[in-house]
Protein backbone atom coordinates (compact mmCIF):
# COMPACT_ATOMS: atom_id res chain seq x y z
CA MET A 1 21.23 20.34 -20.90
CA LYS A 2 18.15 18.09 -20.55
CA LYS A 3 20.34 15.13 -19.63
CA THR A 4 22.12 17.20 -16.97
CA ILE A 5 18.80 18.31 -15.43
CA LEU A 6 17.43 14.77 -15.55
CA PHE A 7 20.60 13.43 -13.93
CA GLY A 8 20.39 16.12 -11.21
CA VAL A 9 16.76 15.30 -10.44
CA LEU A 10 17.56 11.58 -10.34
CA MET A 11 20.46 12.16 -7.93
CA LEU A 12 18.23 14.32 -5.71
CA LEU A 13 15.60 11.55 -5.57
CA VAL A 14 18.27 8.99 -4.68
CA GLN A 15 19.51 11.23 -1.85
CA ILE A 16 15.97 11.82 -0.53
CA GLN A 17 15.24 8.09 -0.59
CA ALA A 18 18.56 7.27 1.13
CA PHE A 19 17.63 9.70 3.92
CA ALA A 20 14.12 8.25 4.12
CA GLN A 21 15.46 4.71 4.37
CA SER A 22 17.49 5.67 7.44
CA ARG A 23 14.27 6.85 9.19
CA PHE A 24 12.42 3.53 8.80
CA SER A 25 13.04 0.65 11.19
CA LYS A 26 14.71 -2.41 9.76
CA HIS A 27 11.75 -4.78 10.35
CA GLU A 28 8.04 -4.25 10.96
CA ILE A 29 5.01 -6.52 11.06
CA SER A 30 1.53 -5.10 10.70
CA PHE A 31 -1.86 -6.65 11.42
CA ASN A 32 -4.37 -4.95 9.13
CA GLY A 33 -8.02 -5.07 10.15
CA PHE A 34 -9.69 -3.31 7.27
CA ARG A 35 -9.43 -2.89 3.53
CA ASN A 36 -5.97 -1.35 3.04
CA PRO A 37 -3.93 -3.20 1.88
CA SER A 38 -6.16 -6.13 2.94
CA ILE A 39 -7.49 -7.83 6.06
CA GLY A 40 -4.32 -9.74 6.81
CA LEU A 41 -0.61 -9.44 7.49
CA GLU A 42 2.14 -7.23 6.16
CA TYR A 43 5.89 -7.55 6.67
CA ARG A 44 8.17 -4.58 5.97
CA TYR A 45 11.95 -4.67 5.57
CA LYS A 46 13.30 -1.11 5.51
CA ILE A 47 11.37 0.60 2.68
CA VAL A 48 9.72 -2.43 1.04
CA SER A 49 6.88 -4.56 2.38
CA VAL A 50 4.88 -7.57 1.27
CA HIS A 51 1.27 -8.20 2.23
CA ALA A 52 -1.35 -10.93 1.94
CA GLY A 53 -4.97 -11.17 2.98
CA TYR A 54 -8.66 -10.89 2.24
CA TYR A 55 -9.79 -7.77 0.32
CA VAL A 56 -13.36 -6.49 0.04
CA THR A 57 -14.58 -3.51 -1.96
CA ASN A 58 -17.78 -1.98 -3.32
CA PHE A 59 -17.68 -1.07 -7.01
CA GLU A 60 -21.43 -0.45 -6.82
CA THR A 61 -23.56 0.71 -3.89
CA ASN A 62 -24.60 -2.18 -1.61
CA THR A 63 -22.65 -4.72 -3.72
CA THR A 64 -19.55 -6.19 -2.08
CA THR A 65 -16.89 -7.89 -4.20
CA ARG A 66 -14.36 -10.15 -2.44
CA PHE A 67 -10.75 -11.01 -3.37
CA ILE A 68 -7.62 -12.68 -2.06
CA LYS A 69 -4.83 -10.10 -2.38
CA VAL A 70 -1.02 -10.34 -2.28
CA GLY A 71 1.45 -7.65 -3.21
CA ALA A 72 4.40 -5.39 -2.50
CA THR A 73 4.63 -1.82 -1.21
CA LEU A 74 7.30 0.86 -1.47
CA TRP A 75 7.39 3.33 1.47
CA PHE A 76 8.75 6.85 1.06
CA LEU A 77 8.84 10.38 2.51
CA PRO A 78 8.57 9.55 6.24
CA ILE A 79 6.96 12.31 8.30
CA GLY A 80 7.16 13.05 12.02
CA LYS A 81 9.40 12.00 14.86
CA LYS A 82 7.48 8.98 16.14
CA GLU A 83 9.17 5.61 16.61
CA ILE A 84 7.39 4.44 13.44
CA PRO A 85 6.98 7.48 11.18
CA SER A 86 3.91 8.27 9.10
CA SER A 87 4.70 7.98 5.39
CA PHE A 88 3.48 7.76 1.84
CA TYR A 89 3.30 4.48 -0.06
CA ALA A 90 2.82 3.00 -3.52
CA GLN A 91 1.87 -0.65 -3.97
CA VAL A 92 1.18 -3.20 -6.67
CA SER A 93 -0.88 -6.32 -6.03
CA TYR A 94 -2.25 -9.51 -7.54
CA LEU A 95 -5.90 -10.27 -6.73
CA ARG A 96 -7.94 -13.44 -7.19
CA GLY A 97 -11.68 -12.87 -7.37
CA LEU A 98 -13.94 -14.75 -4.97
CA SER A 99 -17.33 -13.30 -5.89
CA ARG A 100 -19.52 -11.44 -8.39
CA ASP A 101 -18.11 -10.66 -11.85
CA TYR A 102 -14.57 -11.45 -10.65
CA GLU A 103 -15.21 -14.95 -9.27
CA GLY A 104 -12.27 -17.14 -10.28
CA ASP A 105 -10.67 -14.28 -12.26
CA ASN A 106 -7.19 -12.81 -11.92
CA ALA A 107 -6.82 -9.07 -11.39
CA GLY A 108 -4.09 -6.56 -10.67
CA SER A 109 -4.02 -3.28 -8.81
CA VAL A 110 -1.96 -0.18 -8.19
CA ASP A 111 -2.57 1.73 -4.98
CA VAL A 112 -1.09 4.99 -3.66
CA GLY A 113 -1.74 6.77 -0.39
CA PHE A 114 -0.64 7.79 3.08
CA ARG A 115 -0.28 5.89 6.37
CA TRP A 116 -0.77 8.03 9.47
CA MET A 117 0.70 6.65 12.67
CA VAL A 118 -1.92 7.70 15.25
CA TRP A 119 -0.55 6.28 18.50
CA LYS A 120 2.33 3.88 19.04
CA GLY A 121 1.68 1.20 16.36
CA LEU A 122 -1.96 2.12 15.64
CA HIS A 123 -2.25 3.46 12.12
CA LEU A 124 -4.85 4.68 9.66
CA ARG A 125 -4.42 4.59 5.90
CA ILE A 126 -6.13 6.44 3.11
CA GLY A 127 -5.39 5.71 -0.51
CA VAL A 128 -6.77 5.22 -3.97
CA ILE A 129 -6.72 1.91 -5.84
CA ALA A 130 -6.90 1.26 -9.58
CA LEU A 131 -8.04 -2.34 -10.09
CA PHE A 132 -7.89 -3.94 -13.52
CA SER A 133 -8.89 -7.32 -14.91
CA ALA A 134 -9.31 -8.74 -18.42
CA GLY A 135 -12.85 -8.24 -19.67
CA GLU A 136 -13.77 -5.78 -16.89
CA ASP A 137 -13.74 -1.99 -16.71
CA LEU A 138 -10.96 -0.26 -14.78
CA GLN A 139 -12.23 0.37 -11.25
CA ILE A 140 -11.03 3.33 -9.15
CA ASN A 141 -11.94 3.28 -5.44
CA PRO A 142 -10.83 4.84 -2.15
CA THR A 143 -8.95 2.47 0.16
CA PRO A 144 -9.25 3.33 3.85
CA GLY A 145 -7.55 1.09 6.36
CA ILE A 146 -6.74 0.54 10.02
CA GLY A 147 -4.11 -1.65 11.60
CA TYR A 148 -1.43 -2.07 14.24
CA ALA A 149 2.30 -2.35 13.56
CA PHE A 150 5.20 -3.67 15.63
CA LYS A 151 8.80 -2.83 14.79
CA PHE A 152 11.72 -5.07 15.65
């Protein structure tokens, strides 16, 4: 019985994702001007994107830590009828520390959140990041963002 329920749930998720994939454009490029996913570029193909850029965050008040960040994002559950729909995302990234306790160190992150398409390609993001690195405490931070996307 448990296997049947698990199989049913899995098939439902596959169907939902197949529908979602049909709502996303085939290609999209996004210029991101603030922290989420980084200050840089992002290229999306259907439901998967890759990003690279400069990432800044504050683990402590008035103390900015800087990173180079590259990673991949999975997009799901598109919402709305706009040309580029708003949607949820989950991403994993590699970070290379440029300052403070992380200077020269490798780090990883997992980030989940929502991208709201405000007007045409203008979008706002809000998410939460879990950043981890050997020898450092796990850091949990909000990840707001703003950018502009073009589909093609």
